[in-house]
Each structure stands twice: as structure tokens, then as C-alpha cells.
Amino acid sequence: MIRIVLAAVLFALASSAALAQLRTIPADAKRGTMSHVQGMTVELDGRKTELAPGAQIRDVNNRIILPTTLPSGSLIKFMPDVQGRVWRVWILSQQEAAQPDPKK
């Protein structure tokens, strides 16, 4: 019985530590709106563009999602690859969206 309680306490502590982690969006990430078009094609600020091979889209809970599950018109921050294709995407939470972009 004590082992079960101890295991439950350890699990709860590990879970709360994981929830406490904040995601880090690079300061030079660009803000925009994005919708999925088809396959690896997205619409970024009204222009069709391609996702880079290995592109990652993260939801507000920092989970990687498929491009087809990207909510239409999502407010995002993104990083391009060296060829200008979309490489990393973070869907912004309400709190993140309310924060001003860093001064350049």
C-alpha cells in the first residue's frame, strides 16, 4: 500500500514539473497568420508557401501537430529555414499573442 502511495506522489510531482516547463519561442521568430492549404503547402499572411522538410508545428500546449490539424487563421510565430520555407511554427496562446514583439 505504501508503495502505491509513494508511486502516486512521485508521479504527481513529475507531472507538475512537466506542466511547469515554459516553451521558448526565439526572439527573432516572425509573427503571422497561417492556415493549411494542402499537403505541405500553407497560407502564411495570405501567401501560399511550403513547409520545409522536417517542419514542426507546435500547438498552444507545445505539442507537435500535423499540418492538416492547423486551425484556419491561426496566429503564429514562425522561423524560416535557409531557403525561406517555414521550418518551425508556434501557435500562440492568448497570453503570448498579447505580448509585443521584441524591438529590433
PDB file of N, CA and C in Angstrom:
ATOM      1  N   MET A   1       0.820  -1.183   0.000  1.00  0.00           N
ATOM      2  CA  MET A   1       0.000   0.000   0.000  1.00  0.00           C
ATOM      3  C   MET A   1       0.869   1.253   0.000  1.00  0.00           C
ATOM      4  N   ILE A   2       1.938   1.228   0.800  1.00  0.00           N
ATOM      5  CA  ILE A   2       2.828   2.376   0.881  1.00  0.00           C
ATOM      6  C   ILE A   2       3.511   2.599  -0.470  1.00  0.00           C
ATOM      7  N   ARG A   3       3.844   1.513  -1.161  1.00  0.00           N
ATOM      8  CA  ARG A   3       4.481   1.635  -2.474  1.00  0.00           C
ATOM      9  C   ARG A   3       3.547   2.327  -3.466  1.00  0.00           C
ATOM     10  N   ILE A   4       2.278   2.007  -3.402  1.00  0.00           N
ATOM     11  CA  ILE A   4       1.308   2.614  -4.312  1.00  0.00           C
ATOM     12  C   ILE A   4       1.183   4.108  -4.034  1.00  0.00           C
ATOM     13  N   VAL A   5       1.105   4.477  -2.774  1.00  0.00           N
ATOM     14  CA  VAL A   5       1.007   5.893  -2.403  1.00  0.00           C
ATOM     15  C   VAL A   5       2.277   6.636  -2.817  1.00  0.00           C
ATOM     16  N   LEU A   6       3.429   6.027  -2.556  1.00  0.00           N
ATOM     17  CA  LEU A   6       4.696   6.641  -2.929  1.00  0.00           C
ATOM     18  C   LEU A   6       4.783   6.814  -4.442  1.00  0.00           C
ATOM     19  N   ALA A   7       4.378   5.817  -5.188  1.00  0.00           N
ATOM     20  CA  ALA A   7       4.390   5.904  -6.650  1.00  0.00           C
ATOM     21  C   ALA A   7       3.457   7.009  -7.132  1.00  0.00           C
ATOM     22  N   ALA A   8       2.296   7.129  -6.523  1.00  0.00           N
ATOM     23  CA  ALA A   8       1.346   8.177  -6.902  1.00  0.00           C
ATOM     24  C   ALA A   8       1.909   9.569  -6.613  1.00  0.00           C
ATOM     25  N   VAL A   9       2.561   9.721  -5.480  1.00  0.00           N
ATOM     26  CA  VAL A   9       3.165  11.014  -5.129  1.00  0.00           C
ATOM     27  C   VAL A   9       4.284  11.361  -6.107  1.00  0.00           C
ATOM     28  N   LEU A  10       5.141  10.395  -6.410  1.00  0.00           N
ATOM     29  CA  LEU A  10       6.221  10.642  -7.365  1.00  0.00           C
ATOM     30  C   LEU A  10       5.677  10.992  -8.747  1.00  0.00           C
ATOM     31  N   PHE A  11       4.633  10.311  -9.167  1.00  0.00           N
ATOM     32  CA  PHE A  11       4.013  10.611 -10.458  1.00  0.00           C
ATOM     33  C   PHE A  11       3.436  12.022 -10.466  1.00  0.00           C
ATOM     34  N   ALA A  12       2.771  12.414  -9.386  1.00  0.00           N
ATOM     35  CA  ALA A  12       2.189  13.757  -9.298  1.00  0.00           C
ATOM     36  C   ALA A  12       3.271  14.824  -9.350  1.00  0.00           C
ATOM     37  N   LEU A  13       4.387  14.594  -8.663  1.00  0.00           N
ATOM     38  CA  LEU A  13       5.486  15.556  -8.681  1.00  0.00           C
ATOM     39  C   LEU A  13       6.098  15.666 -10.073  1.00  0.00           C
ATOM     40  N   ALA A  14       6.281  14.546 -10.735  1.00  0.00           N
ATOM     41  CA  ALA A  14       6.843  14.557 -12.088  1.00  0.00           C
ATOM     42  C   ALA A  14       5.893  15.247 -13.058  1.00  0.00           C
ATOM     43  N   SER A  15       4.600  15.025 -12.909  1.00  0.00           N
ATOM     44  CA  SER A  15       3.611  15.651 -13.787  1.00  0.00           C
ATOM     45  C   SER A  15       3.592  17.157 -13.602  1.00  0.00           C
ATOM     46  N   SER A  16       3.647  17.612 -12.363  1.00  0.00           N
ATOM     47  CA  SER A  16       3.613  19.055 -12.124  1.00  0.00           C
ATOM     48  C   SER A  16       4.880  19.724 -12.637  1.00  0.00           C
ATOM     49  N   ALA A  17       6.006  19.031 -12.589  1.00  0.00           N
ATOM     50  CA  ALA A  17       7.249  19.591 -13.124  1.00  0.00           C
ATOM     51  C   ALA A  17       7.149  19.733 -14.636  1.00  0.00           C
ATOM     52  N   ALA A  18       6.547  18.765 -15.285  1.00  0.00           N
ATOM     53  CA  ALA A  18       6.391  18.836 -16.739  1.00  0.00           C
ATOM     54  C   ALA A  18       5.449  19.972 -17.126  1.00  0.00           C
ATOM     55  N   LEU A  19       4.391  20.177 -16.377  1.00  0.00           N
ATOM     56  CA  LEU A  19       3.458  21.259 -16.670  1.00  0.00           C
ATOM     57  C   LEU A  19       4.073  22.625 -16.419  1.00  0.00           C
ATOM     58  N   ALA A  20       5.009  22.707 -15.514  1.00  0.00           N
ATOM     59  CA  ALA A  20       5.620  23.984 -15.157  1.00  0.00           C
ATOM     60  C   ALA A  20       6.618  24.459 -16.202  1.00  0.00           C
ATOM     61  N   GLN A  21       7.052  23.586 -17.107  1.00  0.00           N
ATOM     62  CA  GLN A  21       8.016  23.979 -18.120  1.00  0.00           C
ATOM     63  C   GLN A  21       7.377  24.962 -19.088  1.00  0.00           C
ATOM     64  N   LEU A  22       8.085  26.032 -19.363  1.00  0.00           N
ATOM     65  CA  LEU A  22       7.618  27.023 -20.313  1.00  0.00           C
ATOM     66  C   LEU A  22       8.276  26.778 -21.652  1.00  0.00           C
ATOM     67  N   ARG A  23       7.556  27.030 -22.711  1.00  0.00           N
ATOM     68  CA  ARG A  23       8.193  26.889 -24.004  1.00  0.00           C
ATOM     69  C   ARG A  23       8.902  28.187 -24.351  1.00  0.00           C
ATOM     70  N   THR A  24       9.938  28.055 -25.111  1.00  0.00           N
ATOM     71  CA  THR A  24      10.728  29.209 -25.505  1.00  0.00           C
ATOM     72  C   THR A  24      10.567  29.421 -27.002  1.00  0.00           C
ATOM     73  N   ILE A  25      10.023  30.575 -27.345  1.00  0.00           N
ATOM     74  CA  ILE A  25       9.914  30.959 -28.747  1.00  0.00           C
ATOM     75  C   ILE A  25      11.051  31.938 -29.012  1.00  0.00           C
ATOM     76  N   PRO A  26      11.900  31.659 -30.014  1.00  0.00           N
ATOM     77  CA  PRO A  26      13.029  32.545 -30.267  1.00  0.00           C
ATOM     78  C   PRO A  26      12.589  33.997 -30.473  1.00  0.00           C
ATOM     79  N   ALA A  27      13.388  34.922 -29.981  1.00  0.00           N
ATOM     80  CA  ALA A  27      13.057  36.352 -30.075  1.00  0.00           C
ATOM     81  C   ALA A  27      12.957  36.819 -31.521  1.00  0.00           C
ATOM     82  N   ASP A  28      13.696  36.180 -32.431  1.00  0.00           N
ATOM     83  CA  ASP A  28      13.657  36.609 -33.827  1.00  0.00           C
ATOM     84  C   ASP A  28      12.593  35.890 -34.655  1.00  0.00           C
ATOM     85  N   ALA A  29      11.733  35.106 -34.005  1.00  0.00           N
ATOM     86  CA  ALA A  29      10.620  34.465 -34.716  1.00  0.00           C
ATOM     87  C   ALA A  29       9.663  35.544 -35.200  1.00  0.00           C
ATOM     88  N   LYS A  30       9.151  35.356 -36.400  1.00  0.00           N
ATOM     89  CA  LYS A  30       8.260  36.331 -37.015  1.00  0.00           C
ATOM     90  C   LYS A  30       6.805  35.982 -36.692  1.00  0.00           C
ATOM     91  N   ARG A  31       5.984  37.019 -36.549  1.00  0.00           N
ATOM     92  CA  ARG A  31       4.563  36.835 -36.262  1.00  0.00           C
ATOM     93  C   ARG A  31       3.778  36.795 -37.574  1.00  0.00           C
ATOM     94  N   GLY A  32       2.727  35.996 -37.601  1.00  0.00           N
ATOM     95  CA  GLY A  32       1.880  35.941 -38.787  1.00  0.00           C
ATOM     96  C   GLY A  32       0.623  35.143 -38.523  1.00  0.00           C
ATOM     97  N   THR A  33      -0.156  34.952 -39.575  1.00  0.00           N
ATOM     98  CA  THR A  33      -1.322  34.075 -39.509  1.00  0.00           C
ATOM     99  C   THR A  33      -1.110  32.963 -40.522  1.00  0.00           C
ATOM    100  N   MET A  34      -1.563  31.767 -40.163  1.00  0.00           N
ATOM    101  CA  MET A  34      -1.318  30.611 -41.020  1.00  0.00           C
ATOM    102  C   MET A  34      -2.534  29.705 -41.069  1.00  0.00           C
ATOM    103  N   SER A  35      -2.747  29.145 -42.256  1.00  0.00           N
ATOM    104  CA  SER A  35      -3.782  28.132 -42.482  1.00  0.00           C
ATOM    105  C   SER A  35      -3.181  27.044 -43.355  1.00  0.00           C
ATOM    106  N   HIS A  36      -3.664  25.830 -43.194  1.00  0.00           N
ATOM    107  CA  HIS A  36      -3.217  24.723 -44.043  1.00  0.00           C
ATOM    108  C   HIS A  36      -3.965  24.802 -45.367  1.00  0.00           C
ATOM    109  N   VAL A  37      -3.256  24.567 -46.474  1.00  0.00           N
ATOM    110  CA  VAL A  37      -3.880  24.562 -47.797  1.00  0.00           C
ATOM    111  C   VAL A  37      -4.022  23.125 -48.283  1.00  0.00           C
ATOM    112  N   GLN A  38      -2.885  22.460 -48.488  1.00  0.00           N
ATOM    113  CA  GLN A  38      -2.888  21.083 -48.985  1.00  0.00           C
ATOM    114  C   GLN A  38      -1.491  20.505 -48.831  1.00  0.00           C
ATOM    115  N   GLY A  39      -1.410  19.259 -48.386  1.00  0.00           N
ATOM    116  CA  GLY A  39      -0.113  18.599 -48.260  1.00  0.00           C
ATOM    117  C   GLY A  39       0.835  19.414 -47.396  1.00  0.00           C
ATOM    118  N   MET A  40       1.958  19.807 -47.972  1.00  0.00           N
ATOM    119  CA  MET A  40       2.962  20.606 -47.255  1.00  0.00           C
ATOM    120  C   MET A  40       2.859  22.091 -47.610  1.00  0.00           C
ATOM    121  N   THR A  41       1.728  22.498 -48.168  1.00  0.00           N
ATOM    122  CA  THR A  41       1.506  23.895 -48.527  1.00  0.00           C
ATOM    123  C   THR A  41       0.627  24.559 -47.480  1.00  0.00           C
ATOM    124  N   VAL A  42       1.052  25.736 -47.044  1.00  0.00           N
ATOM    125  CA  VAL A  42       0.286  26.535 -46.088  1.00  0.00           C
ATOM    126  C   VAL A  42       0.093  27.924 -46.664  1.00  0.00           C
ATOM    127  N   GLU A  43      -0.861  28.646 -46.096  1.00  0.00           N
ATOM    128  CA  GLU A  43      -1.036  30.039 -46.442  1.00  0.00           C
ATOM    129  C   GLU A  43      -0.514  30.853 -45.273  1.00  0.00           C
ATOM    130  N   LEU A  44       0.511  31.644 -45.516  1.00  0.00           N
ATOM    131  CA  LEU A  44       1.157  32.450 -44.491  1.00  0.00           C
ATOM    132  C   LEU A  44       0.928  33.916 -44.838  1.00  0.00           C
ATOM    133  N   ASP A  45       0.155  34.595 -44.008  1.00  0.00           N
ATOM    134  CA  ASP A  45      -0.176  36.005 -44.248  1.00  0.00           C
ATOM    135  C   ASP A  45      -0.732  36.224 -45.657  1.00  0.00           C
ATOM    136  N   GLY A  46      -1.599  35.304 -46.091  1.00  0.00           N
ATOM    137  CA  GLY A  46      -2.267  35.450 -47.382  1.00  0.00           C
ATOM    138  C   GLY A  46      -1.492  34.942 -48.588  1.00  0.00           C
ATOM    139  N   ARG A  47      -0.267  34.450 -48.381  1.00  0.00           N
ATOM    140  CA  ARG A  47       0.540  33.933 -49.482  1.00  0.00           C
ATOM    141  C   ARG A  47       0.769  32.440 -49.295  1.00  0.00           C
ATOM    142  N   LYS A  48       0.626  31.684 -50.382  1.00  0.00           N
ATOM    143  CA  LYS A  48       0.927  30.254 -50.310  1.00  0.00           C
ATOM    144  C   LYS A  48       2.435  30.068 -50.229  1.00  0.00           C
ATOM    145  N   THR A  49       2.842  29.187 -49.325  1.00  0.00           N
ATOM    146  CA  THR A  49       4.259  28.872 -49.153  1.00  0.00           C
ATOM    147  C   THR A  49       4.387  27.425 -48.718  1.00  0.00           C
ATOM    148  N   GLU A  50       5.581  26.905 -48.834  1.00  0.00           N
ATOM    149  CA  GLU A  50       5.832  25.499 -48.498  1.00  0.00           C
ATOM    150  C   GLU A  50       6.432  25.358 -47.110  1.00  0.00           C
ATOM    151  N   LEU A  51       6.087  24.259 -46.469  1.00  0.00           N
ATOM    152  CA  LEU A  51       6.753  23.875 -45.230  1.00  0.00           C
ATOM    153  C   LEU A  51       8.068  23.200 -45.598  1.00  0.00           C
ATOM    154  N   ALA A  52       9.086  23.440 -44.811  1.00  0.00           N
ATOM    155  CA  ALA A  52      10.386  22.799 -45.030  1.00  0.00           C
ATOM    156  C   ALA A  52      10.297  21.322 -44.652  1.00  0.00           C
ATOM    157  N   PRO A  53      11.148  20.483 -45.243  1.00  0.00           N
ATOM    158  CA  PRO A  53      11.195  19.095 -44.791  1.00  0.00           C
ATOM    159  C   PRO A  53      11.519  19.057 -43.292  1.00  0.00           C
ATOM    160  N   GLY A  54      10.790  18.280 -42.545  1.00  0.00           N
ATOM    161  CA  GLY A  54      11.002  18.179 -41.101  1.00  0.00           C
ATOM    162  C   GLY A  54      10.405  19.331 -40.318  1.00  0.00           C
ATOM    163  N   ALA A  55       9.561  20.125 -40.951  1.00  0.00           N
ATOM    164  CA  ALA A  55       8.950  21.259 -40.256  1.00  0.00           C
ATOM    165  C   ALA A  55       8.160  20.777 -39.048  1.00  0.00           C
ATOM    166  N   GLN A  56       8.134  21.611 -38.011  1.00  0.00           N
ATOM    167  CA  GLN A  56       7.369  21.297 -36.802  1.00  0.00           C
ATOM    168  C   GLN A  56       6.377  22.413 -36.543  1.00  0.00           C
ATOM    169  N   ILE A  57       5.138  22.028 -36.274  1.00  0.00           N
ATOM    170  CA  ILE A  57       4.102  22.970 -35.868  1.00  0.00           C
ATOM    171  C   ILE A  57       3.718  22.589 -34.450  1.00  0.00           C
ATOM    172  N   ARG A  58       3.825  23.540 -33.528  1.00  0.00           N
ATOM    173  CA  ARG A  58       3.502  23.274 -32.121  1.00  0.00           C
ATOM    174  C   ARG A  58       2.242  24.035 -31.735  1.00  0.00           C
ATOM    175  N   ASP A  59       1.331  23.334 -31.055  1.00  0.00           N
ATOM    176  CA  ASP A  59       0.098  23.970 -30.603  1.00  0.00           C
ATOM    177  C   ASP A  59       0.349  24.776 -29.329  1.00  0.00           C
ATOM    178  N   VAL A  60      -0.701  25.352 -28.754  1.00  0.00           N
ATOM    179  CA  VAL A  60      -0.533  26.201 -27.568  1.00  0.00           C
ATOM    180  C   VAL A  60      -0.031  25.415 -26.360  1.00  0.00           C
ATOM    181  N   ASN A  61      -0.183  24.093 -26.380  1.00  0.00           N
ATOM    182  CA  ASN A  61       0.326  23.245 -25.304  1.00  0.00           C
ATOM    183  C   ASN A  61       1.706  22.679 -25.631  1.00  0.00           C
ATOM    184  N   ASN A  62       2.316  23.200 -26.696  1.00  0.00           N
ATOM    185  CA  ASN A  62       3.658  22.825 -27.138  1.00  0.00           C
ATOM    186  C   ASN A  62       3.753  21.403 -27.686  1.00  0.00           C
ATOM    187  N   ARG A  63       2.624  20.842 -28.087  1.00  0.00           N
ATOM    188  CA  ARG A  63       2.623  19.520 -28.713  1.00  0.00           C
ATOM    189  C   ARG A  63       2.785  19.683 -30.211  1.00  0.00           C
ATOM    190  N   ILE A  64       3.538  18.799 -30.837  1.00  0.00           N
ATOM    191  CA  ILE A  64       3.695  18.830 -32.288  1.00  0.00           C
ATOM    192  C   ILE A  64       2.407  18.321 -32.913  1.00  0.00           C
ATOM    193  N   ILE A  65       1.896  19.093 -33.892  1.00  0.00           N
ATOM    194  CA  ILE A  65       0.673  18.703 -34.590  1.00  0.00           C
ATOM    195  C   ILE A  65       0.958  18.566 -36.081  1.00  0.00           C
ATOM    196  N   LEU A  66       0.090  17.860 -36.772  1.00  0.00           N
ATOM    197  CA  LEU A  66       0.210  17.709 -38.218  1.00  0.00           C
ATOM    198  C   LEU A  66      -0.287  18.978 -38.904  1.00  0.00           C
ATOM    199  N   PRO A  67       0.257  19.305 -40.072  1.00  0.00           N
ATOM    200  CA  PRO A  67      -0.208  20.499 -40.785  1.00  0.00           C
ATOM    201  C   PRO A  67      -1.718  20.481 -41.047  1.00  0.00           C
ATOM    202  N   THR A  68      -2.277  19.302 -41.294  1.00  0.00           N
ATOM    203  CA  THR A  68      -3.708  19.213 -41.585  1.00  0.00           C
ATOM    204  C   THR A  68      -4.585  19.560 -40.385  1.00  0.00           C
ATOM    205  N   THR A  69      -4.035  19.544 -39.185  1.00  0.00           N
ATOM    206  CA  THR A  69      -4.813  19.875 -37.990  1.00  0.00           C
ATOM    207  C   THR A  69      -4.621  21.324 -37.546  1.00  0.00           C
ATOM    208  N   LEU A  70      -3.866  22.097 -38.326  1.00  0.00           N
ATOM    209  CA  LEU A  70      -3.646  23.506 -38.016  1.00  0.00           C
ATOM    210  C   LEU A  70      -4.967  24.257 -38.146  1.00  0.00           C
ATOM    211  N   PRO A  71      -5.434  24.891 -37.073  1.00  0.00           N
ATOM    212  CA  PRO A  71      -6.690  25.652 -37.184  1.00  0.00           C
ATOM    213  C   PRO A  71      -6.544  26.798 -38.194  1.00  0.00           C
ATOM    214  N   SER A  72      -7.543  26.992 -39.017  1.00  0.00           N
ATOM    215  CA  SER A  72      -7.517  28.025 -40.038  1.00  0.00           C
ATOM    216  C   SER A  72      -7.343  29.410 -39.417  1.00  0.00           C
ATOM    217  N   GLY A  73      -6.458  30.202 -39.977  1.00  0.00           N
ATOM    218  CA  GLY A  73      -6.224  31.559 -39.499  1.00  0.00           C
ATOM    219  C   GLY A  73      -5.527  31.641 -38.158  1.00  0.00           C
ATOM    220  N   SER A  74      -4.714  30.645 -37.825  1.00  0.00           N
ATOM    221  CA  SER A  74      -4.011  30.622 -36.537  1.00  0.00           C
ATOM    222  C   SER A  74      -3.006  31.762 -36.448  1.00  0.00           C
ATOM    223  N   LEU A  75      -3.001  32.444 -35.306  1.00  0.00           N
ATOM    224  CA  LEU A  75      -1.975  33.455 -35.032  1.00  0.00           C
ATOM    225  C   LEU A  75      -0.739  32.695 -34.567  1.00  0.00           C
ATOM    226  N   ILE A  76       0.367  32.920 -35.248  1.00  0.00           N
ATOM    227  CA  ILE A  76       1.574  32.115 -35.020  1.00  0.00           C
ATOM    228  C   ILE A  76       2.819  32.982 -34.935  1.00  0.00           C
ATOM    229  N   LYS A  77       3.888  32.356 -34.497  1.00  0.00           N
ATOM    230  CA  LYS A  77       5.246  32.847 -34.698  1.00  0.00           C
ATOM    231  C   LYS A  77       5.945  31.724 -35.449  1.00  0.00           C
ATOM    232  N   PHE A  78       6.835  32.097 -36.365  1.00  0.00           N
ATOM    233  CA  PHE A  78       7.494  31.077 -37.179  1.00  0.00           C
ATOM    234  C   PHE A  78       8.933  31.456 -37.453  1.00  0.00           C
ATOM    235  N   MET A  79       9.704  30.428 -37.793  1.00  0.00           N
ATOM    236  CA  MET A  79      11.104  30.579 -38.190  1.00  0.00           C
ATOM    237  C   MET A  79      11.253  29.942 -39.575  1.00  0.00           C
ATOM    238  N   PRO A  80      11.861  30.653 -40.522  1.00  0.00           N
ATOM    239  CA  PRO A  80      12.114  30.047 -41.830  1.00  0.00           C
ATOM    240  C   PRO A  80      13.427  29.262 -41.822  1.00  0.00           C
ATOM    241  N   ASP A  81      13.580  28.365 -42.790  1.00  0.00           N
ATOM    242  CA  ASP A  81      14.870  27.695 -42.960  1.00  0.00           C
ATOM    243  C   ASP A  81      15.738  28.569 -43.865  1.00  0.00           C
ATOM    244  N   VAL A  82      16.915  28.090 -44.242  1.00  0.00           N
ATOM    245  CA  VAL A  82      17.839  28.894 -45.042  1.00  0.00           C
ATOM    246  C   VAL A  82      17.301  29.190 -46.443  1.00  0.00           C
ATOM    247  N   GLN A  83      16.354  28.396 -46.902  1.00  0.00           N
ATOM    248  CA  GLN A  83      15.769  28.617 -48.225  1.00  0.00           C
ATOM    249  C   GLN A  83      14.462  29.410 -48.145  1.00  0.00           C
ATOM    250  N   GLY A  84      14.091  29.864 -46.954  1.00  0.00           N
ATOM    251  CA  GLY A  84      12.897  30.684 -46.791  1.00  0.00           C
ATOM    252  C   GLY A  84      11.612  29.912 -46.572  1.00  0.00           C
ATOM    253  N   ARG A  85      11.689  28.581 -46.526  1.00  0.00           N
ATOM    254  CA  ARG A  85      10.497  27.783 -46.253  1.00  0.00           C
ATOM    255  C   ARG A  85      10.216  27.779 -44.759  1.00  0.00           C
ATOM    256  N   VAL A  86       8.977  27.572 -44.395  1.00  0.00           N
ATOM    257  CA  VAL A  86       8.575  27.575 -42.986  1.00  0.00           C
ATOM    258  C   VAL A  86       9.125  26.323 -42.312  1.00  0.00           C
ATOM    259  N   TRP A  87       9.924  26.526 -41.265  1.00  0.00           N
ATOM    260  CA  TRP A  87      10.624  25.417 -40.604  1.00  0.00           C
ATOM    261  C   TRP A  87      10.064  25.115 -39.223  1.00  0.00           C
ATOM    262  N   ARG A  88       9.849  26.136 -38.405  1.00  0.00           N
ATOM    263  CA  ARG A  88       9.292  25.962 -37.058  1.00  0.00           C
ATOM    264  C   ARG A  88       8.118  26.911 -36.888  1.00  0.00           C
ATOM    265  N   VAL A  89       7.050  26.409 -36.270  1.00  0.00           N
ATOM    266  CA  VAL A  89       5.833  27.195 -36.064  1.00  0.00           C
ATOM    267  C   VAL A  89       5.346  26.977 -34.643  1.00  0.00           C
ATOM    268  N   TRP A  90       4.949  28.061 -33.997  1.00  0.00           N
ATOM    269  CA  TRP A  90       4.330  28.003 -32.677  1.00  0.00           C
ATOM    270  C   TRP A  90       2.998  28.711 -32.764  1.00  0.00           C
ATOM    271  N   ILE A  91       1.905  27.996 -32.513  1.00  0.00           N
ATOM    272  CA  ILE A  91       0.594  28.636 -32.434  1.00  0.00           C
ATOM    273  C   ILE A  91       0.563  29.391 -31.110  1.00  0.00           C
ATOM    274  N   LEU A  92       0.212  30.658 -31.156  1.00  0.00           N
ATOM    275  CA  LEU A  92       0.279  31.496 -29.961  1.00  0.00           C
ATOM    276  C   LEU A  92      -0.953  31.344 -29.082  1.00  0.00           C
ATOM    277  N   SER A  93      -0.712  31.275 -27.784  1.00  0.00           N
ATOM    278  CA  SER A  93      -1.804  31.307 -26.803  1.00  0.00           C
ATOM    279  C   SER A  93      -2.283  32.753 -26.711  1.00  0.00           C
ATOM    280  N   GLN A  94      -3.382  32.989 -26.020  1.00  0.00           N
ATOM    281  CA  GLN A  94      -3.880  34.357 -25.855  1.00  0.00           C
ATOM    282  C   GLN A  94      -2.846  35.227 -25.146  1.00  0.00           C
ATOM    283  N   GLN A  95      -2.170  34.664 -24.134  1.00  0.00           N
ATOM    284  CA  GLN A  95      -1.162  35.424 -23.399  1.00  0.00           C
ATOM    285  C   GLN A  95       0.033  35.758 -24.294  1.00  0.00           C
ATOM    286  N   GLU A  96       0.478  34.806 -25.099  1.00  0.00           N
ATOM    287  CA  GLU A  96       1.614  35.044 -25.990  1.00  0.00           C
ATOM    288  C   GLU A  96       1.251  36.061 -27.077  1.00  0.00           C
ATOM    289  N   ALA A  97       0.027  35.955 -27.586  1.00  0.00           N
ATOM    290  CA  ALA A  97      -0.431  36.887 -28.627  1.00  0.00           C
ATOM    291  C   ALA A  97      -0.506  38.311 -28.109  1.00  0.00           C
ATOM    292  N   ALA A  98      -0.803  38.483 -26.832  1.00  0.00           N
ATOM    293  CA  ALA A  98      -0.940  39.813 -26.236  1.00  0.00           C
ATOM    294  C   ALA A  98       0.417  40.481 -25.985  1.00  0.00           C
ATOM    295  N   GLN A  99       1.486  39.696 -25.962  1.00  0.00           N
ATOM    296  CA  GLN A  99       2.820  40.256 -25.713  1.00  0.00           C
ATOM    297  C   GLN A  99       3.348  40.942 -26.970  1.00  0.00           C
ATOM    298  N   PRO A 100       3.934  42.121 -26.821  1.00  0.00           N
ATOM    299  CA  PRO A 100       4.501  42.791 -28.005  1.00  0.00           C
ATOM    300  C   PRO A 100       5.735  42.053 -28.498  1.00  0.00           C
ATOM    301  N   ASP A 101       6.009  42.208 -29.786  1.00  0.00           N
ATOM    302  CA  ASP A 101       7.218  41.607 -30.344  1.00  0.00           C
ATOM    303  C   ASP A 101       8.431  42.387 -29.835  1.00  0.00           C
ATOM    304  N   PRO A 102       9.575  41.699 -29.639  1.00  0.00           N
ATOM    305  CA  PRO A 102      10.783  42.404 -29.181  1.00  0.00           C
ATOM    306  C   PRO A 102      11.205  43.467 -30.184  1.00  0.00           C
ATOM    307  N   LYS A 103      11.756  44.540 -29.676  1.00  0.00           N
ATOM    308  CA  LYS A 103      12.280  45.614 -30.540  1.00  0.00           C
ATOM    309  C   LYS A 103      13.532  45.120 -31.243  1.00  0.00           C
ATOM    310  N   LYS A 104      13.672  45.488 -32.491  1.00  0.00           N
ATOM    311  CA  LYS A 104      14.846  45.046 -33.263  1.00  0.00           C
ATOM    312  C   LYS A 104      15.760  46.205 -33.516  1.00  0.00           C
TER     313      LYS A 104
END
